[in-house]
Amino acid sequence: MNIRQRTLGAVGLLAALLFAGPLHAERLVTDMAGRQVKIPDEVRRVYAVGHCVPMVGAVAPDKLANNFRLNDTAKRFLSPQFYEGKVVPGVNSRMLSDEELVKLAPDLVIMEAMPGAAERADRLSARLQAPVLLIDQDMHSYKPAFAFLGEVLQRPEQGRALADFVAAHLDPIEERARSIPADKRVRVYYAEGPDGLSTNPAGSSHTQVLDFVGGLNVAQVVNLPDEGMSSVSLEQLYLWQPDLILTWTPAADQSTTWKAVVENPLWQPVDAVKQGKVLQIPWIPFSWFDRPPGSNRILGAFWLARTLYPEVFPLDLTSLTREYFRLFYHREISAADVSYLLGLSTPQAAAGR
C-alpha cells in the first residue's frame, strides 16, 4: 500500500468515527436528589453502596457488581445472579476498600439520598471516575425509586412490576395502620447489639417498619445520625415495659441478641421477657426489618403487621412471601421454605425442628 492509499484510508476511518457519533454514548438523568448526572447509555456494571444492594438487585441482579458477604443459607434463597461473580468485603470488613472500589471499575454507582450525600457522591465520583446517582430509600418512596432504577438500568418493565407490587400490597398497610387507636397499639422495643441494650427511636430509618405498621416504639432516646444505635439501660427497660421485644444482630444465625435478652436473669423484670414475647427478626437472605434499611423492609412490613395486629392485617404471608422472593430476589421458593423463614422468629422452636 502506497502513502496516498494509507492517507486516504486514515481519512476515511476518521470520517467514519466522526459521523458515527461518540464512542461512549451518554444520557443526562436527574436523580432522586435533583442532581443532573451524565450516565452511559448502556449500564452494564453497577456498584450499589450499602443499603442500595437489595434494591439494585431487585431491578437488575445481573448488573450488580458487588454484594454483602453472604452465607450458603442466604444464597439458597437468592438467584445466583445476586452473588455469583460479585465483589464482597473482606472477612473482617463491612465495606469495600478504596483499592477494591477502583478495581471494580463500575459504569455507574447507586447511593442512598440522605443529608450530606450529594457531597459524598461527588467525591466518590471523582475517585472512581464514574457517575453516581442518589436514590431515596424512604419506605414512602419505593414506587418512584423502582421506576427510576428501571429506566436507568434499562429494565423498565421490572421497575414497574416492583412499583406495582408496592402499590398493591405495601401501601394499604400504612393506610390501615392509621386507623389503629392509640390505646390499642402494641408497644415495642427494638433490641440491637450483642447485649440488646442498643436501639433506635421512632422516626429513625432503622425503625421505619415499626412506625409504618402502627407499632409504638417505646425507646425514648435521641435519634442519632447514620447507624444510630443509642445505648440504653435495663433500668429504662423496666420503666418502658414493652409488650414485645424484637431482636437483631449480625450474628442472627446464632441468636446472639435473642439469647442475651431471654437468658439473662436481669431482663426478667421486663414483662415481655417473662411472658416469652421476644422475637428474632427473620434475616434471610437480608434482615426483614433493618440493616440494611433498604427494600428488604417491604417483606418485614408484611411479617410485622401480621405479627402485631393479626386481626387488622389478616395477610396471607405464605403467598406474599413467595411473590416477594420471585419478584425481588428472582427466586421461586416453596410454602415449606416460607414456613422455615417465618420460623426463624422463634429460635427455640426453630432449633427443635
Protein backbone atom coordinates (compact mmCIF):
# COMPACT_ATOMS: atom_id res chain seq x y z
CA MET A 1 0.00 0.00 0.00
CA ASN A 2 1.45 3.39 -1.05
CA ILE A 3 1.45 6.60 1.01
CA ARG A 4 -1.58 8.03 -0.83
CA GLN A 5 -3.64 4.90 -0.15
CA ARG A 6 -2.67 4.87 3.53
CA THR A 7 -3.59 8.56 3.83
CA LEU A 8 -6.96 8.06 2.17
CA GLY A 9 -7.61 5.08 4.44
CA ALA A 10 -6.81 7.08 7.58
CA VAL A 11 -9.05 9.98 6.44
CA GLY A 12 -11.87 7.56 5.72
CA LEU A 13 -11.55 5.96 9.16
CA LEU A 14 -11.53 9.38 10.86
CA ALA A 15 -14.63 10.44 8.94
CA ALA A 16 -16.41 7.24 9.86
CA LEU A 17 -15.67 7.81 13.54
CA LEU A 18 -16.81 11.43 13.40
CA PHE A 19 -20.12 10.62 11.74
CA ALA A 20 -20.70 7.59 13.94
CA GLY A 21 -21.04 9.85 16.99
CA PRO A 22 -19.32 9.46 20.37
CA LEU A 23 -17.66 6.16 21.18
CA HIS A 24 -19.45 6.06 24.55
CA ALA A 25 -22.95 7.49 24.17
CA GLU A 26 -24.30 9.22 27.26
CA ARG A 27 -27.64 10.41 28.57
CA LEU A 28 -28.48 13.08 31.11
CA VAL A 29 -30.65 11.98 34.02
CA THR A 30 -31.95 13.76 37.10
CA ASP A 31 -31.52 11.60 40.21
CA MET A 32 -33.83 11.49 43.23
CA ALA A 33 -31.88 14.26 44.95
CA GLY A 34 -32.43 16.58 41.98
CA ARG A 35 -28.84 16.27 40.69
CA GLN A 36 -28.30 16.17 36.94
CA VAL A 37 -25.79 13.47 36.04
CA LYS A 38 -24.47 12.11 32.75
CA ILE A 39 -24.51 8.32 32.67
CA PRO A 40 -23.65 5.79 29.95
CA ASP A 41 -26.43 4.95 27.52
CA GLU A 42 -25.85 1.31 28.39
CA VAL A 43 -25.14 0.49 32.02
CA ARG A 44 -23.54 -2.92 32.48
CA ARG A 45 -21.81 -2.84 35.88
CA VAL A 46 -23.29 -1.12 38.96
CA TYR A 47 -21.68 -0.54 42.32
CA ALA A 48 -24.50 -0.36 44.88
CA VAL A 49 -23.40 1.38 48.07
CA GLY A 50 -24.53 -0.32 51.29
CA HIS A 51 -28.30 -0.15 51.72
CA CYS A 52 -28.85 0.04 47.95
CA VAL A 53 -27.74 -3.55 47.27
CA PRO A 54 -31.20 -5.22 47.65
CA MET A 55 -32.93 -2.54 45.58
CA VAL A 56 -30.47 -2.62 42.67
CA GLY A 57 -30.52 -6.41 42.81
CA ALA A 58 -34.32 -6.43 42.65
CA VAL A 59 -34.23 -4.48 39.39
CA ALA A 60 -31.15 -5.96 37.68
CA PRO A 61 -29.19 -8.58 39.67
CA ASP A 62 -27.02 -9.38 36.65
CA LYS A 63 -25.74 -5.78 36.60
CA LEU A 64 -24.95 -5.70 40.32
CA ALA A 65 -21.16 -5.66 40.70
CA ASN A 66 -20.99 -6.17 44.47
CA ASN A 67 -22.89 -7.61 47.39
CA PHE A 68 -22.63 -8.19 51.10
CA ARG A 69 -20.79 -11.28 52.30
CA LEU A 70 -23.49 -13.98 52.20
CA ASN A 71 -23.54 -17.42 53.78
CA ASP A 72 -24.74 -20.52 51.96
CA THR A 73 -28.21 -20.36 53.52
CA ALA A 74 -28.77 -16.82 52.26
CA LYS A 75 -27.58 -17.83 48.79
CA ARG A 76 -30.11 -20.66 48.72
CA PHE A 77 -32.89 -18.06 48.77
CA LEU A 78 -31.45 -15.80 46.06
CA SER A 79 -30.98 -16.08 42.33
CA PRO A 80 -27.32 -16.91 41.60
CA GLN A 81 -27.23 -13.60 39.72
CA PHE A 82 -27.23 -11.92 43.15
CA TYR A 83 -23.95 -13.43 44.29
CA GLU A 84 -22.01 -15.18 41.52
CA GLY A 85 -19.05 -13.10 40.38
CA LYS A 86 -19.80 -10.27 42.81
CA VAL A 87 -17.12 -8.43 44.77
CA VAL A 88 -17.66 -8.70 48.54
CA PRO A 89 -15.94 -7.05 51.53
CA GLY A 90 -13.15 -8.84 53.35
CA VAL A 91 -13.89 -11.19 56.24
CA ASN A 92 -13.46 -8.50 58.91
CA SER A 93 -14.83 -5.59 56.92
CA ARG A 94 -18.30 -4.23 56.16
CA MET A 95 -17.16 -2.01 53.27
CA LEU A 96 -15.02 -2.40 50.18
CA SER A 97 -11.61 -0.73 50.37
CA ASP A 98 -10.66 2.14 48.06
CA GLU A 99 -8.38 -0.23 46.15
CA GLU A 100 -11.23 -2.72 45.67
CA LEU A 101 -13.55 0.06 44.53
CA VAL A 102 -11.09 1.28 41.90
CA LYS A 103 -10.60 -2.29 40.61
CA LEU A 104 -14.37 -2.69 40.45
CA ALA A 105 -14.46 -0.06 37.65
CA PRO A 106 -18.25 0.38 37.65
CA ASP A 107 -20.17 2.10 34.86
CA LEU A 108 -22.46 3.60 37.49
CA VAL A 109 -22.69 3.97 41.27
CA ILE A 110 -26.00 3.99 43.17
CA MET A 111 -26.03 5.67 46.59
CA GLU A 112 -28.77 6.46 49.10
CA ALA A 113 -30.02 10.05 49.20
CA MET A 114 -29.61 11.39 52.73
CA PRO A 115 -28.23 14.57 54.34
CA GLY A 116 -24.74 15.26 53.02
CA ALA A 117 -24.99 12.54 50.34
CA ALA A 118 -24.58 14.93 47.40
CA GLU A 119 -21.13 15.99 48.53
CA ARG A 120 -20.12 12.40 49.26
CA ALA A 121 -21.44 11.35 45.86
CA ASP A 122 -19.34 13.98 44.09
CA ARG A 123 -16.21 12.88 45.96
CA LEU A 124 -16.85 9.22 45.19
CA SER A 125 -17.50 10.02 41.54
CA ALA A 126 -14.16 11.83 41.27
CA ARG A 127 -12.36 8.94 43.00
CA LEU A 128 -13.85 6.22 40.81
CA GLN A 129 -14.20 8.27 37.64
CA ALA A 130 -17.77 7.00 37.39
CA PRO A 131 -21.16 8.75 37.65
CA VAL A 132 -23.01 8.50 40.97
CA LEU A 133 -26.80 8.62 41.27
CA LEU A 134 -28.73 9.12 44.51
CA ILE A 135 -31.98 7.25 45.20
CA ASP A 136 -34.48 7.78 48.01
CA GLN A 137 -34.94 4.67 50.16
CA ASP A 138 -37.63 6.00 52.46
CA MET A 139 -40.47 3.47 52.54
CA HIS A 140 -42.81 6.08 51.04
CA SER A 141 -40.53 6.45 48.00
CA TYR A 142 -40.23 2.86 46.84
CA LYS A 143 -42.58 3.29 43.86
CA PRO A 144 -40.71 6.20 42.23
CA ALA A 145 -37.36 4.66 43.21
CA PHE A 146 -38.08 1.38 41.45
CA ALA A 147 -39.48 3.18 38.41
CA PHE A 148 -36.36 5.39 38.30
CA LEU A 149 -33.95 2.44 38.59
CA GLY A 150 -35.90 0.53 35.97
CA GLU A 151 -35.30 3.33 33.46
CA VAL A 152 -31.66 3.90 34.46
CA LEU A 153 -30.77 0.20 34.24
CA GLN A 154 -32.77 -0.46 31.06
CA ARG A 155 -35.27 -2.69 32.90
CA PRO A 156 -38.42 -0.52 32.79
CA GLU A 157 -40.83 -3.46 32.92
CA GLN A 158 -39.15 -4.91 36.03
CA GLY A 159 -39.11 -1.46 37.67
CA ARG A 160 -42.84 -1.07 37.03
CA ALA A 161 -43.59 -4.59 38.30
CA LEU A 162 -41.80 -3.84 41.58
CA ALA A 163 -43.57 -0.48 41.93
CA ASP A 164 -46.94 -2.14 41.23
CA PHE A 165 -46.26 -4.73 43.93
CA VAL A 166 -45.58 -1.94 46.43
CA ALA A 167 -48.77 -0.11 45.43
CA ALA A 168 -50.88 -3.25 45.68
CA HIS A 169 -49.51 -4.77 48.89
CA LEU A 170 -47.40 -2.33 50.92
CA ASP A 171 -49.22 1.00 50.64
CA PRO A 172 -52.53 -0.34 52.04
CA ILE A 173 -50.75 -1.44 55.23
CA GLU A 174 -49.81 2.07 56.32
CA GLU A 175 -53.28 3.35 55.43
CA ARG A 176 -54.93 0.66 57.58
CA ALA A 177 -52.39 1.18 60.39
CA ARG A 178 -53.53 4.79 60.80
CA SER A 179 -56.93 3.52 61.95
CA ILE A 180 -55.49 1.63 64.96
CA PRO A 181 -56.46 3.54 68.15
CA ALA A 182 -53.57 4.85 70.24
CA ASP A 183 -54.58 2.73 73.24
CA LYS A 184 -54.62 -0.42 71.08
CA ARG A 185 -51.13 -0.02 69.65
CA VAL A 186 -48.55 -2.64 70.58
CA ARG A 187 -45.61 -1.17 72.50
CA VAL A 188 -42.35 -2.50 71.06
CA TYR A 189 -38.66 -2.33 71.98
CA TYR A 190 -36.10 -2.95 69.22
CA ALA A 191 -33.09 -4.65 70.85
CA GLU A 192 -29.79 -4.35 68.97
CA GLY A 193 -26.19 -5.19 69.69
CA PRO A 194 -24.80 -8.29 71.41
CA ASP A 195 -26.42 -7.40 74.75
CA GLY A 196 -29.68 -5.96 73.39
CA LEU A 197 -29.01 -2.59 75.03
CA SER A 198 -28.75 -0.53 71.85
CA THR A 199 -31.74 0.74 69.90
CA ASN A 200 -33.22 3.38 67.62
CA PRO A 201 -36.29 5.53 68.36
CA ALA A 202 -39.40 6.30 66.32
CA GLY A 203 -38.54 8.39 63.27
CA SER A 204 -35.26 6.58 62.60
CA SER A 205 -34.77 4.89 59.22
CA HIS A 206 -33.74 1.82 61.21
CA THR A 207 -37.19 1.52 62.82
CA GLN A 208 -39.36 2.82 59.98
CA VAL A 209 -41.01 -0.57 59.52
CA LEU A 210 -42.32 -0.37 63.08
CA ASP A 211 -43.67 3.15 62.52
CA PHE A 212 -45.14 2.10 59.17
CA VAL A 213 -47.25 -0.76 60.54
CA GLY A 214 -48.57 1.18 63.52
CA GLY A 215 -46.33 -0.14 66.29
CA LEU A 216 -45.47 2.12 69.20
CA ASN A 217 -41.71 2.38 69.70
CA VAL A 218 -41.09 2.68 73.46
CA ALA A 219 -37.48 3.89 73.10
CA GLN A 220 -37.30 7.48 74.28
CA VAL A 221 -33.77 8.25 73.12
CA VAL A 222 -32.08 10.71 70.79
CA ASN A 223 -32.25 9.75 67.12
CA LEU A 224 -28.54 9.55 66.29
CA PRO A 225 -27.44 10.08 62.65
CA ASP A 226 -26.34 7.31 60.27
CA GLU A 227 -26.14 4.00 62.14
CA GLY A 228 -27.91 5.22 65.26
CA MET A 229 -27.59 2.51 67.93
CA SER A 230 -28.32 4.62 71.01
CA SER A 231 -27.28 2.98 74.28
CA VAL A 232 -29.99 2.27 76.85
CA SER A 233 -30.03 0.72 80.33
CA LEU A 234 -32.02 -2.12 81.81
CA GLU A 235 -33.47 0.40 84.26
CA GLN A 236 -35.01 2.22 81.30
CA LEU A 237 -36.46 -1.07 80.03
CA TYR A 238 -38.01 -1.66 83.45
CA LEU A 239 -39.78 1.68 83.11
CA TRP A 240 -40.77 1.35 79.45
CA GLN A 241 -42.17 -2.19 79.87
CA PRO A 242 -42.72 -3.02 76.16
CA ASP A 243 -45.37 -5.53 75.14
CA LEU A 244 -42.98 -7.11 72.65
CA ILE A 245 -39.21 -7.14 72.04
CA LEU A 246 -37.70 -7.51 68.58
CA THR A 247 -34.06 -8.59 68.47
CA TRP A 248 -31.43 -8.13 65.79
CA THR A 249 -27.71 -8.79 65.49
CA PRO A 250 -25.26 -9.56 62.66
CA ALA A 251 -24.91 -12.97 64.34
CA ALA A 252 -28.61 -13.71 63.89
CA ASP A 253 -27.92 -17.31 62.90
CA GLN A 254 -26.55 -17.80 66.43
CA SER A 255 -29.48 -15.92 68.04
CA THR A 256 -26.88 -13.83 69.92
CA THR A 257 -29.11 -10.92 70.94
CA TRP A 258 -32.19 -13.08 71.45
CA LYS A 259 -30.25 -15.26 73.89
CA ALA A 260 -28.79 -12.23 75.67
CA VAL A 261 -32.33 -10.99 76.32
CA VAL A 262 -34.13 -14.22 77.22
CA GLU A 263 -31.32 -15.94 79.14
CA ASN A 264 -30.03 -13.07 81.28
CA PRO A 265 -31.83 -13.01 84.66
CA LEU A 266 -31.50 -9.21 84.75
CA TRP A 267 -34.00 -8.99 81.87
CA GLN A 268 -36.66 -10.96 83.74
CA PRO A 269 -38.30 -7.90 85.36
CA VAL A 270 -39.31 -6.87 81.82
CA ASP A 271 -42.79 -8.37 81.37
CA ALA A 272 -42.26 -9.14 77.66
CA VAL A 273 -39.30 -11.36 78.59
CA LYS A 274 -41.15 -13.01 81.43
CA GLN A 275 -44.09 -13.75 79.11
CA GLY A 276 -41.95 -15.10 76.27
CA LYS A 277 -42.73 -12.23 73.91
CA VAL A 278 -39.24 -11.85 72.44
CA LEU A 279 -38.88 -12.41 68.71
CA GLN A 280 -35.84 -12.73 66.49
CA ILE A 281 -36.33 -10.70 63.30
CA PRO A 282 -36.10 -13.05 60.28
CA TRP A 283 -32.84 -12.31 58.47
CA ILE A 284 -32.62 -14.49 55.36
CA PRO A 285 -31.36 -13.54 52.84
CA PHE A 286 -31.24 -9.96 54.25
CA SER A 287 -32.79 -8.75 57.51
CA TRP A 288 -36.54 -8.24 57.12
CA PHE A 289 -36.57 -5.15 59.34
CA ASP A 290 -33.30 -3.22 59.20
CA ARG A 291 -29.58 -3.25 58.44
CA PRO A 292 -29.77 -2.71 55.62
CA PRO A 293 -32.78 -0.34 55.84
CA GLY A 294 -33.47 -0.97 52.16
CA SER A 295 -36.22 -2.52 50.06
CA ASN A 296 -35.83 -5.73 52.09
CA ARG A 297 -38.05 -3.94 54.65
CA ILE A 298 -41.09 -4.46 52.42
CA LEU A 299 -41.10 -8.12 53.42
CA GLY A 300 -40.59 -7.13 57.05
CA ALA A 301 -43.64 -4.87 56.93
CA PHE A 302 -45.85 -7.82 55.97
CA TRP A 303 -44.38 -10.01 58.71
CA LEU A 304 -44.54 -7.38 61.45
CA ALA A 305 -48.03 -6.11 60.56
CA ARG A 306 -49.37 -9.67 60.75
CA THR A 307 -47.41 -10.32 63.96
CA LEU A 308 -48.57 -7.20 65.83
CA TYR A 309 -52.15 -6.98 64.59
CA PRO A 310 -53.35 -10.29 63.11
CA GLU A 311 -56.99 -9.14 63.17
CA VAL A 312 -56.24 -5.84 61.42
CA PHE A 313 -53.87 -7.46 58.91
CA PRO A 314 -55.11 -10.98 58.07
CA LEU A 315 -52.38 -11.27 55.44
CA ASP A 316 -51.55 -14.48 53.60
CA LEU A 317 -47.87 -14.43 54.49
CA THR A 318 -47.11 -17.56 52.52
CA SER A 319 -48.46 -16.14 49.28
CA LEU A 320 -46.96 -12.67 49.83
CA THR A 321 -43.55 -14.01 50.77
CA ARG A 322 -43.38 -16.31 47.77
CA GLU A 323 -44.38 -13.49 45.44
CA TYR A 324 -41.85 -11.16 47.04
CA PHE A 325 -38.99 -13.64 46.59
CA ARG A 326 -39.98 -14.25 42.98
CA LEU A 327 -40.10 -10.54 42.10
CA PHE A 328 -37.40 -9.03 44.30
CA TYR A 329 -34.91 -11.89 44.72
CA HIS A 330 -35.66 -13.61 41.40
CA ARG A 331 -36.07 -16.91 43.19
CA GLU A 332 -39.01 -19.32 43.33
CA ILE A 333 -39.50 -20.68 46.84
CA SER A 334 -41.95 -23.22 48.25
CA ALA A 335 -44.53 -22.98 51.01
CA ALA A 336 -42.18 -25.12 53.12
CA ASP A 337 -39.42 -22.57 52.54
CA VAL A 338 -41.72 -19.80 53.79
CA SER A 339 -42.55 -21.83 56.88
CA TYR A 340 -38.82 -22.17 57.58
CA LEU A 341 -38.19 -18.43 57.11
CA LEU A 342 -41.09 -17.39 59.35
CA GLY A 343 -39.99 -19.90 61.95
CA LEU A 344 -36.69 -18.06 62.36
CA SER A 345 -38.51 -15.52 64.53
CA THR A 346 -38.75 -18.09 67.34
CA PRO A 347 -35.22 -19.51 67.71
CA GLN A 348 -36.06 -22.07 70.38
CA ALA A 349 -38.83 -23.56 68.28
CA ALA A 350 -36.68 -23.40 65.13
CA ALA A 351 -33.88 -25.27 66.89
CA GLY A 352 -36.27 -28.05 67.81
CA ARG A 353 -37.31 -28.76 64.21
